[in-house]
Amino acid sequence: MRSPPLPRALAGDATARVAIDDAGIIHVDVGPLSLRLEHEICAALTTVLARAMVRLARERRRPRLAVVDGAELDR
């Protein structure tokens, strides 16, 4: 008896892995968390996560650097 084929790896690193199976289900593994998502749901989740990361980056923006005249430093 043949076992079902394993999901095909799409991407991964030390933190997460993403694969797809023959039925088109996307397997997302992050640490102990495993998600099995349909393509549309995975795409929507990706968009939401990207928006959240952009917002976090904007909120954590460091003050802009400025060139200061040396005389101002002596005050």
C-alpha atoms as a PDB file:
ATOM      1  CA  MET A   1       0.000   0.000   0.000  1.00  0.00           C
ATOM      2  CA  ARG A   2       1.352   3.427  -0.978  1.00  0.00           C
ATOM      3  CA  SER A   3       1.427   6.164   1.603  1.00  0.00           C
ATOM      4  CA  PRO A   4       0.090   9.578   0.572  1.00  0.00           C
ATOM      5  CA  PRO A   5       2.728  11.924  -0.850  1.00  0.00           C
ATOM      6  CA  LEU A   6       4.282  14.387   1.551  1.00  0.00           C
ATOM      7  CA  PRO A   7       3.607  18.096   1.100  1.00  0.00           C
ATOM      8  CA  ARG A   8       6.108  19.804  -1.226  1.00  0.00           C
ATOM      9  CA  ALA A   9       8.296  22.369   0.547  1.00  0.00           C
ATOM     10  CA  LEU A  10       7.894  25.955  -0.679  1.00  0.00           C
ATOM     11  CA  ALA A  11       9.998  27.917   1.822  1.00  0.00           C
ATOM     12  CA  GLY A  12      11.452  27.700   5.269  1.00  0.00           C
ATOM     13  CA  ASP A  13      14.056  28.728   7.777  1.00  0.00           C
ATOM     14  CA  ALA A  14      14.866  28.010  11.417  1.00  0.00           C
ATOM     15  CA  THR A  15      11.590  29.689  12.469  1.00  0.00           C
ATOM     16  CA  ALA A  16       8.952  28.502  10.013  1.00  0.00           C
ATOM     17  CA  ARG A  17       8.210  26.169   7.125  1.00  0.00           C
ATOM     18  CA  VAL A  18       5.639  26.420   4.342  1.00  0.00           C
ATOM     19  CA  ALA A  19       4.618  23.542   2.086  1.00  0.00           C
ATOM     20  CA  ILE A  20       1.741  22.617  -0.227  1.00  0.00           C
ATOM     21  CA  ASP A  21       0.050  19.259  -0.682  1.00  0.00           C
ATOM     22  CA  ASP A  22      -1.552  17.692  -3.749  1.00  0.00           C
ATOM     23  CA  ALA A  23      -4.962  19.044  -2.741  1.00  0.00           C
ATOM     24  CA  GLY A  24      -3.628  22.625  -2.750  1.00  0.00           C
ATOM     25  CA  ILE A  25      -3.706  22.990   1.028  1.00  0.00           C
ATOM     26  CA  ILE A  26      -0.878  25.159   2.333  1.00  0.00           C
ATOM     27  CA  HIS A  27       0.888  23.818   5.424  1.00  0.00           C
ATOM     28  CA  VAL A  28       2.391  26.521   7.651  1.00  0.00           C
ATOM     29  CA  ASP A  29       4.475  25.346  10.612  1.00  0.00           C
ATOM     30  CA  VAL A  30       5.763  27.909  13.120  1.00  0.00           C
ATOM     31  CA  GLY A  31       7.321  26.383  16.208  1.00  0.00           C
ATOM     32  CA  PRO A  32       4.633  24.197  17.804  1.00  0.00           C
ATOM     33  CA  LEU A  33       1.854  25.791  15.734  1.00  0.00           C
ATOM     34  CA  SER A  34       0.653  24.112  12.528  1.00  0.00           C
ATOM     35  CA  LEU A  35      -1.869  25.687  10.174  1.00  0.00           C
ATOM     36  CA  ARG A  36      -3.517  24.033   7.188  1.00  0.00           C
ATOM     37  CA  LEU A  37      -4.936  26.762   4.980  1.00  0.00           C
ATOM     38  CA  GLU A  38      -6.712  27.032   1.661  1.00  0.00           C
ATOM     39  CA  HIS A  39      -4.883  29.266  -0.812  1.00  0.00           C
ATOM     40  CA  GLU A  40      -7.282  32.219  -0.475  1.00  0.00           C
ATOM     41  CA  ILE A  41      -7.153  32.155   3.327  1.00  0.00           C
ATOM     42  CA  CYS A  42      -3.358  31.933   3.318  1.00  0.00           C
ATOM     43  CA  ALA A  43      -3.150  34.888   0.911  1.00  0.00           C
ATOM     44  CA  ALA A  44      -5.463  36.958   3.135  1.00  0.00           C
ATOM     45  CA  LEU A  45      -3.459  36.048   6.256  1.00  0.00           C
ATOM     46  CA  THR A  46      -0.235  37.021   4.482  1.00  0.00           C
ATOM     47  CA  THR A  47      -1.703  40.438   3.640  1.00  0.00           C
ATOM     48  CA  VAL A  48      -2.869  41.029   7.210  1.00  0.00           C
ATOM     49  CA  LEU A  49       0.526  40.036   8.637  1.00  0.00           C
ATOM     50  CA  ALA A  50       2.353  42.286   6.163  1.00  0.00           C
ATOM     51  CA  ARG A  51       0.118  45.248   7.063  1.00  0.00           C
ATOM     52  CA  ALA A  52       0.741  44.620  10.756  1.00  0.00           C
ATOM     53  CA  MET A  53       4.513  44.506  10.251  1.00  0.00           C
ATOM     54  CA  VAL A  54       4.453  47.766   8.265  1.00  0.00           C
ATOM     55  CA  ARG A  55       2.419  49.431  11.007  1.00  0.00           C
ATOM     56  CA  LEU A  56       4.804  48.166  13.687  1.00  0.00           C
ATOM     57  CA  ALA A  57       7.773  49.464  11.721  1.00  0.00           C
ATOM     58  CA  ARG A  58       6.176  52.904  11.475  1.00  0.00           C
ATOM     59  CA  GLU A  59       5.309  53.001  15.182  1.00  0.00           C
ATOM     60  CA  ARG A  60       8.822  52.012  16.187  1.00  0.00           C
ATOM     61  CA  ARG A  61      10.464  54.586  13.928  1.00  0.00           C
ATOM     62  CA  ARG A  62      13.381  56.226  15.624  1.00  0.00           C
ATOM     63  CA  PRO A  63      13.672  60.000  15.680  1.00  0.00           C
ATOM     64  CA  ARG A  64      15.185  61.420  12.524  1.00  0.00           C
ATOM     65  CA  LEU A  65      18.807  62.413  12.735  1.00  0.00           C
ATOM     66  CA  ALA A  66      19.744  65.985  11.973  1.00  0.00           C
ATOM     67  CA  VAL A  67      23.002  67.764  11.310  1.00  0.00           C
ATOM     68  CA  VAL A  68      23.672  70.169  14.176  1.00  0.00           C
ATOM     69  CA  ASP A  69      25.998  73.159  14.063  1.00  0.00           C
ATOM     70  CA  GLY A  70      28.957  72.645  16.402  1.00  0.00           C
ATOM     71  CA  ALA A  71      28.112  75.920  18.200  1.00  0.00           C
ATOM     72  CA  GLU A  72      24.799  74.430  19.285  1.00  0.00           C
ATOM     73  CA  LEU A  73      26.633  71.624  21.086  1.00  0.00           C
ATOM     74  CA  ASP A  74      28.452  74.087  23.367  1.00  0.00           C
ATOM     75  CA  ARG A  75      25.215  75.514  24.775  1.00  0.00           C
END
